[in-house]
N, C-alpha and C. Protein backbone atom coordinates (compact mmCIF):
# COMPACT_ATOMS: atom_id res chain seq x y z
N MET A 1 -69.62 -7.80 -48.49
CA MET A 1 -68.91 -6.89 -48.91
C MET A 1 -68.23 -7.48 -50.13
N VAL A 2 -68.24 -6.77 -50.94
CA VAL A 2 -67.10 -7.72 -52.15
C VAL A 2 -65.69 -6.68 -52.11
N VAL A 3 -64.85 -7.58 -52.02
CA VAL A 3 -63.26 -7.01 -51.94
C VAL A 3 -62.53 -7.33 -53.08
N LEU A 4 -62.04 -6.76 -54.13
CA LEU A 4 -60.89 -6.84 -54.91
C LEU A 4 -59.81 -7.68 -54.46
N ARG A 5 -60.07 -8.59 -55.06
CA ARG A 5 -58.01 -9.20 -55.01
C ARG A 5 -56.95 -8.49 -55.48
N LYS A 6 -55.84 -8.84 -55.06
CA LYS A 6 -54.36 -7.88 -55.21
C LYS A 6 -54.71 -7.72 -56.81
N ALA A 7 -53.71 -6.81 -57.45
CA ALA A 7 -53.55 -7.31 -58.66
C ALA A 7 -52.67 -7.76 -59.07
N SER A 8 -51.66 -8.33 -57.89
CA SER A 8 -50.49 -9.21 -58.14
C SER A 8 -50.90 -10.48 -58.55
N ALA A 9 -52.31 -10.94 -58.21
CA ALA A 9 -53.05 -11.86 -58.11
C ALA A 9 -52.99 -12.68 -59.61
N TYR A 10 -53.28 -11.28 -60.45
CA TYR A 10 -53.93 -11.51 -62.18
C TYR A 10 -52.83 -11.23 -62.82
N SER A 11 -52.00 -9.84 -62.69
CA SER A 11 -51.22 -9.18 -63.74
C SER A 11 -50.12 -9.96 -64.53
N LYS A 12 -49.05 -10.35 -63.96
CA LYS A 12 -48.28 -11.12 -64.41
C LYS A 12 -48.33 -12.86 -64.88
N LYS A 13 -49.35 -13.09 -64.74
CA LYS A 13 -49.60 -14.75 -64.95
C LYS A 13 -49.97 -14.74 -66.33
N HIS A 14 -50.02 -16.12 -67.02
CA HIS A 14 -49.71 -16.63 -68.15
C HIS A 14 -51.58 -16.04 -68.49
N VAL A 15 -51.74 -16.28 -69.32
CA VAL A 15 -53.59 -16.25 -69.63
C VAL A 15 -53.93 -17.59 -69.43
N THR A 16 -55.32 -17.78 -68.70
CA THR A 16 -55.59 -18.71 -68.45
C THR A 16 -56.44 -19.31 -69.25
N PRO A 17 -56.44 -20.44 -69.61
CA PRO A 17 -58.01 -20.83 -70.89
C PRO A 17 -59.56 -20.53 -70.49
N TYR A 18 -60.26 -20.72 -70.89
CA TYR A 18 -61.63 -20.98 -70.79
C TYR A 18 -61.94 -19.51 -70.21
N THR A 19 -61.49 -18.61 -70.63
CA THR A 19 -61.72 -16.99 -69.60
C THR A 19 -62.51 -16.04 -70.93
N ARG A 20 -63.07 -16.65 -71.77
CA ARG A 20 -63.71 -15.95 -72.78
C ARG A 20 -65.28 -16.56 -72.89
N ARG A 21 -66.39 -15.71 -73.34
CA ARG A 21 -67.32 -16.21 -73.46
C ARG A 21 -67.71 -17.13 -75.23
N SER A 22 -68.08 -18.33 -74.74
CA SER A 22 -68.27 -18.93 -76.26
C SER A 22 -69.35 -19.00 -76.34
N LYS A 23 -69.62 -18.97 -78.04
CA LYS A 23 -71.50 -19.24 -78.59
C LYS A 23 -71.74 -20.34 -78.24
N VAL A 24 -71.04 -21.74 -78.65
CA VAL A 24 -71.16 -23.30 -78.68
C VAL A 24 -71.54 -23.79 -77.27
N LYS A 25 -72.72 -23.61 -77.22
CA LYS A 25 -73.11 -23.88 -75.58
C LYS A 25 -71.97 -24.92 -74.50
N ASN A 26 -71.64 -25.97 -75.09
CA ASN A 26 -70.85 -26.92 -74.31
C ASN A 26 -69.59 -26.44 -73.95
N ARG A 27 -68.85 -25.29 -74.35
CA ARG A 27 -67.85 -24.71 -74.36
C ARG A 27 -67.61 -23.38 -73.74
N ALA A 28 -68.68 -23.08 -73.23
CA ALA A 28 -69.17 -21.78 -72.63
C ALA A 28 -68.65 -22.26 -71.11
N TYR A 29 -68.15 -21.97 -70.51
CA TYR A 29 -67.57 -22.39 -68.93
C TYR A 29 -68.27 -21.02 -68.31
N ILE A 30 -67.82 -19.74 -69.15
CA ILE A 30 -68.56 -18.72 -68.66
C ILE A 30 -69.65 -18.15 -68.77
N LYS A 31 -70.69 -17.84 -67.61
CA LYS A 31 -72.26 -18.09 -67.50
C LYS A 31 -72.29 -16.24 -68.14
N ALA A 32 -71.77 -15.76 -67.26
CA ALA A 32 -72.24 -13.96 -67.08
C ALA A 32 -71.08 -13.49 -67.10
N VAL A 33 -71.07 -12.30 -68.16
CA VAL A 33 -69.69 -11.88 -68.15
C VAL A 33 -70.31 -10.67 -67.55
N PRO A 34 -68.73 -9.78 -66.49
CA PRO A 34 -69.29 -8.79 -65.74
C PRO A 34 -69.01 -7.56 -66.59
N PRO A 35 -69.85 -6.56 -66.12
CA PRO A 35 -69.73 -5.59 -66.78
C PRO A 35 -68.39 -4.75 -66.69
N ASN A 36 -68.30 -3.83 -67.97
CA ASN A 36 -66.96 -3.23 -68.07
C ASN A 36 -67.08 -1.98 -67.68
N LYS A 37 -66.00 -1.54 -66.72
CA LYS A 37 -66.09 -0.21 -66.06
C LYS A 37 -65.26 0.54 -66.63
N ILE A 38 -64.83 0.83 -67.85
CA ILE A 38 -64.06 1.98 -68.57
C ILE A 38 -65.79 2.52 -69.30
N VAL A 39 -65.57 3.38 -68.88
CA VAL A 39 -67.01 4.66 -69.43
C VAL A 39 -66.57 4.71 -70.84
N LYS A 40 -65.23 5.52 -71.05
CA LYS A 40 -64.78 5.90 -72.73
C LYS A 40 -63.32 5.77 -72.94
N TYR A 41 -63.89 5.46 -74.10
CA TYR A 41 -62.50 4.92 -74.62
C TYR A 41 -61.54 5.98 -75.32
N GLY A 42 -62.79 7.12 -76.05
CA GLY A 42 -62.13 8.49 -76.59
C GLY A 42 -62.41 9.60 -75.90
N MET A 43 -61.60 10.57 -75.54
CA MET A 43 -61.88 11.83 -74.83
C MET A 43 -61.37 12.66 -75.96
N GLY A 44 -61.76 14.21 -75.64
CA GLY A 44 -61.62 15.33 -76.18
C GLY A 44 -61.99 14.99 -77.66
N ASN A 45 -61.09 16.46 -78.69
CA ASN A 45 -61.09 16.83 -80.20
C ASN A 45 -61.08 15.44 -80.93
N GLU A 46 -61.64 14.33 -81.39
CA GLU A 46 -61.38 13.18 -81.98
C GLU A 46 -61.49 13.77 -83.50
N LYS A 47 -62.49 14.57 -83.57
CA LYS A 47 -62.17 15.18 -85.17
C LYS A 47 -60.69 16.32 -85.77
N GLY A 48 -60.36 17.05 -84.97
CA GLY A 48 -59.38 17.66 -84.61
C GLY A 48 -58.13 16.76 -84.58
N PHE A 49 -58.00 15.22 -84.05
CA PHE A 49 -57.00 14.09 -84.25
C PHE A 49 -56.86 13.72 -85.62
N TYR A 50 -58.33 13.46 -86.07
CA TYR A 50 -58.01 12.56 -87.57
C TYR A 50 -57.80 13.53 -88.68
N SER A 51 -57.98 15.04 -88.50
CA SER A 51 -57.70 15.87 -89.55
C SER A 51 -55.86 16.48 -89.58
N GLU A 52 -55.12 15.67 -88.37
CA GLU A 52 -54.02 16.25 -87.95
C GLU A 52 -53.91 17.73 -87.43
N LYS A 53 -54.50 17.95 -86.42
CA LYS A 53 -54.53 19.27 -86.02
C LYS A 53 -53.56 19.14 -84.48
N PHE A 54 -53.51 17.96 -83.95
CA PHE A 54 -52.53 17.32 -82.57
C PHE A 54 -51.17 16.50 -83.39
N PRO A 55 -50.19 17.55 -83.78
CA PRO A 55 -49.11 16.55 -84.37
C PRO A 55 -47.90 15.89 -83.23
N TYR A 56 -48.41 16.22 -81.87
CA TYR A 56 -47.53 15.67 -80.80
C TYR A 56 -48.36 14.27 -80.48
N VAL A 57 -47.92 13.47 -80.61
CA VAL A 57 -48.42 12.27 -80.06
C VAL A 57 -47.45 11.38 -78.91
N LEU A 58 -48.17 11.42 -77.91
CA LEU A 58 -47.35 10.33 -76.78
C LEU A 58 -48.11 9.29 -76.21
N GLU A 59 -47.22 7.93 -76.42
CA GLU A 59 -48.00 6.92 -76.20
C GLU A 59 -47.06 6.27 -74.86
N ILE A 60 -48.38 5.16 -73.99
CA ILE A 60 -47.71 4.63 -73.10
C ILE A 60 -47.61 2.99 -73.67
N VAL A 61 -46.28 2.71 -73.74
CA VAL A 61 -46.12 1.22 -74.20
C VAL A 61 -45.78 -0.09 -73.23
N ALA A 62 -46.30 -0.97 -73.50
CA ALA A 62 -46.13 -2.14 -72.60
C ALA A 62 -44.69 -2.82 -72.75
N ASP A 63 -43.92 -2.64 -71.83
CA ASP A 63 -42.75 -3.24 -71.89
C ASP A 63 -42.32 -5.09 -71.77
N GLU A 64 -43.54 -5.36 -71.62
CA GLU A 64 -43.81 -6.95 -70.74
C GLU A 64 -45.23 -7.48 -71.03
N GLN A 65 -45.30 -8.54 -71.72
CA GLN A 65 -46.64 -8.59 -71.44
C GLN A 65 -47.18 -8.85 -69.67
N VAL A 66 -48.71 -8.41 -70.12
CA VAL A 66 -49.21 -8.06 -68.71
C VAL A 66 -50.82 -8.32 -68.99
N GLN A 67 -51.46 -8.80 -67.73
CA GLN A 67 -52.76 -8.60 -67.90
C GLN A 67 -53.61 -6.84 -67.17
N ILE A 68 -53.96 -6.19 -67.28
CA ILE A 68 -54.45 -5.18 -66.66
C ILE A 68 -55.81 -5.28 -66.62
N ARG A 69 -56.44 -5.00 -65.28
CA ARG A 69 -57.87 -4.84 -65.20
C ARG A 69 -58.34 -3.57 -65.21
N ASP A 70 -59.72 -3.98 -65.82
CA ASP A 70 -60.70 -2.41 -66.29
C ASP A 70 -60.60 -1.65 -65.55
N ASN A 71 -60.68 -1.93 -64.07
CA ASN A 71 -60.55 -0.54 -63.39
C ASN A 71 -59.30 0.12 -62.82
N ALA A 72 -58.43 -0.66 -63.22
CA ALA A 72 -57.17 0.41 -63.73
C ALA A 72 -57.06 1.02 -64.88
N LEU A 73 -57.33 0.59 -65.73
CA LEU A 73 -57.65 1.36 -67.04
C LEU A 73 -58.53 2.61 -66.73
N GLU A 74 -59.89 2.46 -65.93
CA GLU A 74 -60.50 3.88 -65.90
C GLU A 74 -60.17 4.39 -64.52
N ALA A 75 -58.95 4.20 -63.87
CA ALA A 75 -58.39 4.97 -62.76
C ALA A 75 -57.47 5.89 -63.56
N CYS A 76 -56.68 5.44 -64.60
CA CYS A 76 -55.65 5.69 -65.39
C CYS A 76 -56.71 7.23 -66.36
N ARG A 77 -57.40 6.69 -66.86
CA ARG A 77 -58.14 7.57 -67.81
C ARG A 77 -58.61 8.91 -67.17
N GLN A 78 -59.12 8.24 -65.76
CA GLN A 78 -59.94 9.97 -65.26
C GLN A 78 -58.60 10.53 -64.51
N LEU A 79 -57.60 10.01 -64.50
CA LEU A 79 -56.63 11.06 -63.61
C LEU A 79 -56.12 11.49 -65.53
N VAL A 80 -55.82 11.20 -66.14
CA VAL A 80 -55.47 11.79 -67.11
C VAL A 80 -56.25 12.77 -68.04
N ASN A 81 -57.24 12.37 -68.37
CA ASN A 81 -58.09 13.32 -68.49
C ASN A 81 -58.71 14.36 -67.54
N LYS A 82 -58.44 14.30 -66.50
CA LYS A 82 -58.88 15.47 -65.41
C LYS A 82 -57.62 16.65 -65.46
N VAL A 83 -56.61 15.94 -65.46
CA VAL A 83 -55.39 16.71 -65.65
C VAL A 83 -54.95 17.49 -67.19
N ILE A 84 -55.32 17.11 -68.46
CA ILE A 84 -55.38 17.52 -69.44
C ILE A 84 -56.34 18.29 -69.73
N ASP A 85 -57.52 17.87 -69.51
CA ASP A 85 -58.62 18.71 -69.71
C ASP A 85 -58.51 20.00 -69.06
N LYS A 86 -58.25 20.46 -67.88
CA LYS A 86 -58.35 21.58 -67.19
C LYS A 86 -57.12 22.24 -67.88
N ALA A 87 -56.19 21.90 -68.25
CA ALA A 87 -55.51 22.71 -69.14
C ALA A 87 -55.57 23.13 -70.39
N LEU A 88 -55.90 22.68 -70.65
CA LEU A 88 -56.26 22.77 -72.52
C LEU A 88 -57.61 23.02 -72.71
N GLN A 89 -58.64 22.44 -72.16
CA GLN A 89 -60.00 22.65 -72.32
C GLN A 89 -60.33 21.79 -73.80
N GLY A 90 -60.34 20.94 -73.60
CA GLY A 90 -60.49 20.05 -75.15
C GLY A 90 -59.79 20.15 -76.54
N GLN A 91 -58.46 20.93 -76.22
CA GLN A 91 -57.63 20.60 -77.34
C GLN A 91 -56.64 19.53 -77.26
N TYR A 92 -57.25 18.43 -77.26
CA TYR A 92 -56.56 17.30 -77.31
C TYR A 92 -57.58 16.25 -77.67
N PHE A 93 -56.17 14.91 -77.77
CA PHE A 93 -57.36 13.77 -78.28
C PHE A 93 -56.63 12.67 -77.31
N PHE A 94 -57.31 12.18 -76.07
CA PHE A 94 -57.07 10.70 -75.83
C PHE A 94 -57.50 9.56 -75.85
N GLN A 95 -56.67 8.29 -76.00
CA GLN A 95 -57.76 7.16 -76.15
C GLN A 95 -57.05 5.98 -75.41
N ILE A 96 -57.87 5.36 -75.24
CA ILE A 96 -57.45 3.94 -74.61
C ILE A 96 -57.70 2.85 -75.54
N LYS A 97 -56.37 2.25 -75.95
CA LYS A 97 -55.71 1.37 -76.98
C LYS A 97 -56.38 0.00 -76.47
N ALA A 98 -56.27 -0.35 -75.05
CA ALA A 98 -56.32 -1.92 -74.55
C ALA A 98 -57.80 -2.24 -74.43
N HIS A 99 -58.55 -2.99 -74.64
CA HIS A 99 -59.84 -3.53 -74.49
C HIS A 99 -59.82 -4.47 -73.42
N PRO A 100 -60.55 -4.60 -72.25
CA PRO A 100 -60.40 -5.68 -71.58
C PRO A 100 -61.92 -6.59 -72.08
N HIS A 101 -61.13 -7.82 -72.46
CA HIS A 101 -61.82 -8.99 -73.09
C HIS A 101 -61.71 -10.01 -72.21
N GLN A 102 -60.54 -10.38 -71.64
CA GLN A 102 -60.62 -11.40 -70.86
C GLN A 102 -61.29 -11.50 -69.44
N ILE A 103 -61.88 -12.72 -69.26
CA ILE A 103 -62.51 -12.42 -67.88
C ILE A 103 -62.03 -12.95 -67.11
N LEU A 104 -61.65 -12.21 -65.36
CA LEU A 104 -60.95 -13.07 -64.31
C LEU A 104 -61.82 -13.96 -63.48
N ARG A 105 -61.52 -14.86 -63.02
CA ARG A 105 -62.34 -15.99 -62.30
C ARG A 105 -61.49 -15.94 -61.18
N GLU A 106 -62.40 -16.44 -60.03
CA GLU A 106 -61.77 -16.68 -58.75
C GLU A 106 -62.62 -17.66 -58.03
N ASN A 107 -62.06 -18.77 -57.57
CA ASN A 107 -62.37 -20.02 -56.51
C ASN A 107 -62.12 -19.09 -55.10
N LYS A 108 -63.32 -18.68 -54.64
CA LYS A 108 -63.53 -18.40 -53.06
C LYS A 108 -63.23 -19.23 -52.19
N MET A 109 -62.71 -18.83 -51.54
CA MET A 109 -61.74 -20.29 -50.37
C MET A 109 -62.58 -19.12 -49.06
N LEU A 110 -63.40 -20.25 -48.33
CA LEU A 110 -64.09 -19.48 -46.73
C LEU A 110 -62.35 -19.80 -45.86
N THR A 111 -62.56 -18.96 -44.97
CA THR A 111 -61.88 -19.21 -43.90
C THR A 111 -62.93 -19.01 -42.35
N GLY A 112 -61.73 -19.70 -41.42
CA GLY A 112 -62.62 -19.79 -40.53
C GLY A 112 -63.29 -20.83 -39.71
N ALA A 113 -63.94 -20.54 -38.50
CA ALA A 113 -64.95 -22.05 -37.95
C ALA A 113 -65.68 -22.58 -38.73
N GLY A 114 -66.23 -23.76 -39.28
CA GLY A 114 -67.27 -24.34 -39.66
C GLY A 114 -67.00 -23.90 -41.21
N SER A 115 -66.35 -23.53 -41.82
CA SER A 115 -66.15 -23.43 -42.92
C SER A 115 -65.61 -24.30 -43.96
N ASP A 116 -65.38 -25.52 -43.28
CA ASP A 116 -64.66 -26.43 -43.84
C ASP A 116 -65.66 -27.41 -44.48
N ARG A 117 -66.82 -27.09 -43.69
CA ARG A 117 -67.77 -27.99 -44.30
C ARG A 117 -68.91 -27.40 -45.45
N MET A 118 -68.39 -26.22 -45.89
CA MET A 118 -69.40 -25.03 -46.75
C MET A 118 -68.38 -24.99 -48.16
N GLN A 119 -67.45 -25.70 -48.30
CA GLN A 119 -66.69 -25.55 -49.33
C GLN A 119 -66.02 -27.00 -49.84
N THR A 120 -65.76 -26.61 -51.39
CA THR A 120 -65.36 -28.05 -51.96
C THR A 120 -64.06 -28.16 -52.24
N GLY A 121 -63.27 -27.09 -51.87
CA GLY A 121 -61.88 -26.99 -52.16
C GLY A 121 -61.27 -26.57 -53.65
N MET A 122 -60.60 -27.96 -54.26
CA MET A 122 -59.83 -27.88 -55.20
C MET A 122 -61.10 -28.40 -56.59
N GLN A 123 -62.03 -29.28 -55.93
CA GLN A 123 -63.19 -29.86 -56.46
C GLN A 123 -64.03 -28.91 -57.10
N LYS A 124 -64.19 -28.95 -58.50
CA LYS A 124 -65.39 -27.96 -59.28
C LYS A 124 -64.83 -26.35 -58.93
N SER A 125 -63.05 -26.44 -59.08
CA SER A 125 -62.39 -25.18 -59.07
C SER A 125 -62.51 -24.28 -59.86
N PHE A 126 -63.38 -24.34 -61.04
CA PHE A 126 -63.49 -23.25 -61.93
C PHE A 126 -63.56 -21.89 -61.61
N GLY A 127 -64.18 -21.37 -60.40
CA GLY A 127 -64.38 -20.23 -59.83
C GLY A 127 -65.45 -19.71 -60.85
N LYS A 128 -65.81 -18.19 -59.83
CA LYS A 128 -66.75 -17.54 -60.55
C LYS A 128 -66.19 -16.32 -61.21
N THR A 129 -67.13 -15.37 -62.17
CA THR A 129 -66.22 -14.19 -62.40
C THR A 129 -65.98 -12.95 -61.71
N ALA A 130 -65.00 -12.55 -61.28
CA ALA A 130 -64.85 -11.54 -60.55
C ALA A 130 -64.30 -10.29 -61.59
N GLY A 131 -64.26 -10.58 -62.36
CA GLY A 131 -63.79 -8.86 -63.71
C GLY A 131 -63.55 -9.54 -64.66
N ARG A 132 -62.97 -8.15 -65.37
CA ARG A 132 -62.24 -8.15 -66.44
C ARG A 132 -60.95 -7.79 -66.65
N ALA A 133 -59.91 -7.99 -67.31
CA ALA A 133 -58.76 -7.64 -68.15
C ALA A 133 -58.25 -7.81 -69.30
N ALA A 134 -57.44 -6.44 -69.97
CA ALA A 134 -57.04 -6.37 -70.93
C ALA A 134 -55.57 -7.16 -71.01
N VAL A 135 -55.56 -8.21 -72.05
CA VAL A 135 -54.11 -8.57 -72.07
C VAL A 135 -53.37 -7.77 -73.11
N VAL A 136 -52.35 -7.46 -72.76
CA VAL A 136 -51.59 -6.19 -73.40
C VAL A 136 -49.86 -7.14 -73.67
N LYS A 137 -49.94 -7.16 -75.03
CA LYS A 137 -48.25 -7.83 -75.06
C LYS A 137 -47.51 -6.76 -75.02
N LYS A 138 -46.00 -7.22 -75.57
CA LYS A 138 -45.05 -6.53 -75.15
C LYS A 138 -44.80 -5.75 -76.24
N GLY A 139 -44.68 -4.23 -76.58
CA GLY A 139 -44.66 -3.35 -77.33
C GLY A 139 -46.06 -2.85 -78.18
N LYS A 140 -47.07 -3.25 -77.47
CA LYS A 140 -48.31 -2.74 -77.70
C LYS A 140 -49.02 -1.55 -76.63
N THR A 141 -49.63 -0.67 -77.72
CA THR A 141 -49.98 0.77 -77.04
C THR A 141 -51.21 0.46 -76.09
N ILE A 142 -51.24 1.22 -75.02
CA ILE A 142 -52.18 0.79 -73.85
C ILE A 142 -52.53 1.94 -73.74
N PHE A 143 -52.26 3.60 -73.93
CA PHE A 143 -52.52 4.53 -74.03
C PHE A 143 -52.09 5.76 -75.16
N LEU A 144 -53.13 6.42 -75.47
CA LEU A 144 -52.64 7.48 -76.61
C LEU A 144 -53.33 8.72 -76.83
N LEU A 145 -52.18 9.74 -76.51
CA LEU A 145 -52.19 11.21 -76.17
C LEU A 145 -51.65 12.10 -77.34
N ALA A 146 -52.76 12.55 -78.09
CA ALA A 146 -52.41 13.59 -79.06
C ALA A 146 -52.68 15.15 -78.73
N LEU A 147 -51.46 15.96 -78.65
CA LEU A 147 -51.32 17.06 -78.29
C LEU A 147 -51.02 18.36 -79.45
N PRO A 148 -51.41 19.85 -78.98
CA PRO A 148 -51.56 20.82 -80.42
C PRO A 148 -50.14 21.12 -80.39
N ASN A 149 -49.18 21.34 -79.25
CA ASN A 149 -47.93 22.09 -79.38
C ASN A 149 -46.77 21.04 -77.72
N LEU A 150 -45.93 21.93 -78.43
CA LEU A 150 -44.59 21.44 -77.34
C LEU A 150 -44.77 21.25 -75.97
N LYS A 151 -45.68 22.72 -75.82
CA LYS A 151 -45.49 23.02 -74.26
C LYS A 151 -46.75 22.02 -73.80
N ALA A 152 -47.69 21.81 -74.43
CA ALA A 152 -48.87 20.84 -74.09
C ALA A 152 -48.25 19.54 -74.07
N ALA A 153 -47.28 19.31 -75.11
CA ALA A 153 -46.59 17.62 -74.84
C ALA A 153 -45.91 17.69 -73.81
N GLN A 154 -45.05 18.24 -73.21
CA GLN A 154 -44.49 18.53 -71.79
C GLN A 154 -45.62 18.07 -71.09
N MET A 155 -46.23 18.94 -70.94
CA MET A 155 -47.26 18.54 -69.39
C MET A 155 -47.69 17.37 -70.05
N GLY A 156 -48.19 17.06 -71.27
CA GLY A 156 -49.31 15.38 -71.09
C GLY A 156 -47.96 14.37 -70.52
N ARG A 157 -46.72 14.71 -71.22
CA ARG A 157 -45.55 13.72 -70.62
C ARG A 157 -45.66 13.61 -69.12
N LYS A 158 -45.81 14.45 -68.49
CA LYS A 158 -45.72 14.55 -66.80
C LYS A 158 -46.68 14.05 -66.30
N ALA A 159 -48.17 14.01 -67.14
CA ALA A 159 -49.88 13.53 -66.90
C ALA A 159 -49.45 11.84 -66.59
N LEU A 160 -48.31 11.68 -67.92
CA LEU A 160 -48.76 10.00 -68.16
C LEU A 160 -47.78 9.64 -67.46
N SER A 161 -46.65 10.17 -66.79
CA SER A 161 -46.31 9.81 -65.75
C SER A 161 -46.53 9.16 -64.28
N LEU A 162 -47.42 10.25 -64.11
CA LEU A 162 -48.44 9.89 -62.93
C LEU A 162 -48.99 8.69 -63.41
N VAL A 163 -49.65 8.32 -64.22
CA VAL A 163 -50.32 7.12 -64.70
C VAL A 163 -49.62 5.62 -64.61
N LYS A 164 -48.18 5.92 -65.02
CA LYS A 164 -47.42 4.79 -64.72
C LYS A 164 -47.38 3.93 -63.73
N SER A 165 -47.41 4.71 -62.39
CA SER A 165 -48.06 4.22 -61.25
C SER A 165 -48.93 3.08 -60.84
N LYS A 166 -50.21 3.46 -61.65
CA LYS A 166 -51.43 2.96 -61.70
C LYS A 166 -51.04 1.85 -61.79
N LEU A 167 -50.18 1.29 -63.39
CA LEU A 167 -50.67 0.16 -64.13
C LEU A 167 -49.26 -0.67 -63.84
N PRO A 168 -49.78 -2.17 -64.14
CA PRO A 168 -48.81 -3.41 -63.46
C PRO A 168 -48.02 -3.77 -64.37
N GLY A 169 -46.70 -4.20 -64.08
CA GLY A 169 -45.67 -4.48 -64.96
C GLY A 169 -45.03 -3.08 -65.45
N ARG A 170 -43.99 -3.29 -66.49
CA ARG A 170 -43.03 -2.70 -66.72
C ARG A 170 -43.23 -1.40 -68.33
N THR A 171 -43.64 -0.07 -68.36
CA THR A 171 -44.36 0.79 -69.34
C THR A 171 -43.27 1.98 -69.62
N LYS A 172 -43.22 2.37 -70.81
CA LYS A 172 -42.49 3.33 -71.24
C LYS A 172 -43.09 4.62 -71.98
N ILE A 173 -43.01 5.98 -71.86
CA ILE A 173 -43.47 6.50 -72.66
C ILE A 173 -42.94 6.96 -74.01
N ILE A 174 -43.78 6.93 -75.31
CA ILE A 174 -42.68 6.68 -76.48
C ILE A 174 -43.26 8.13 -76.75
N SER A 175 -42.69 9.23 -77.68
CA SER A 175 -43.40 10.22 -78.31
C SER A 175 -42.83 10.51 -79.46
N ARG A 176 -43.95 10.40 -80.46
CA ARG A 176 -43.53 11.14 -81.80
C ARG A 176 -44.31 12.50 -82.09
N VAL A 177 -43.07 13.18 -82.57
CA VAL A 177 -43.62 14.35 -82.42
C VAL A 177 -42.82 14.78 -83.97
N PRO A 178 -43.12 16.02 -84.78
CA PRO A 178 -42.03 16.68 -85.65
C PRO A 178 -40.86 16.89 -85.76
N GLN A 179 -40.14 16.10 -86.66
CA GLN A 179 -38.66 15.72 -86.57
C GLN A 179 -37.47 16.94 -85.98
N ILE A 180 -38.37 18.24 -86.02
CA ILE A 180 -37.30 19.56 -86.12
C ILE A 180 -37.14 20.06 -84.51
N GLN A 181 -38.10 19.53 -83.90
CA GLN A 181 -38.19 19.44 -82.46
C GLN A 181 -38.10 18.38 -81.13
N SER A 182 -38.02 17.12 -82.11
CA SER A 182 -37.95 15.79 -81.38
C SER A 182 -37.06 15.47 -80.10
N THR A 183 -36.15 16.69 -79.89
CA THR A 183 -34.68 16.14 -78.89
C THR A 183 -35.50 17.36 -77.86
N LEU A 184 -36.21 18.36 -78.22
CA LEU A 184 -36.55 19.11 -76.70
C LEU A 184 -37.38 18.36 -75.85
N ILE A 185 -38.41 17.42 -76.25
CA ILE A 185 -39.46 16.63 -75.59
C ILE A 185 -39.00 15.78 -74.49
N GLN A 186 -37.78 15.07 -75.10
CA GLN A 186 -37.29 14.38 -74.37
C GLN A 186 -36.92 14.87 -72.64
C-alpha cells in the first residue's frame, strides 16, 4: 500500500536539484514522471471572464516561498468549485495559477527485522519519484476567482478562506474590485 509522506517533508524545503526531467540523457536523473493529479486548471465561464463580465476578482497569494503538492491543489480546486458552483450555477471563473512541475523523490527506508540486508542506506540515495509539486514564490498567485457581484464576492471570500487551511505556508486573500465598493468586501 502506497502511503504519502507528510506535506511538511516537502513544503518548506529549498528546491532540490535534479528534480526535473532533462532531454539530455546524461542529465536525466528522473526516468519516469508521475502523472499530474490536477484534472482541470480553469472552471466556470471563461468567456465571461475575458469579456470582463466578472469585475470582482479574488486571489490567494503566497506570503512565503513554498512547495505545494499537486494533490493539495486538487483538493482545494474541488472544494472551491463545489461551493461556488452550487450557489452561482456557472456564473464565475476559477483558475489554478500554480503548475506542479517539480518532481518529488523519496529514498524509502525499510524498518523491522531483516531489513538491514535489503537497503543501501545513503549509498545511491537519489530516491524514486513520489509525486509532483508546484514551487510558488512569495507574492505569486495560487488561485484566481472572478465573480459577477458584491454578494458573490463575499461568498467567494468565505470559500477561499476554507481553502487556506489545506495549503502549506502562509497565504493571504487579495481582492481586486471596482474602486467604489472596495471597502465593503473587506
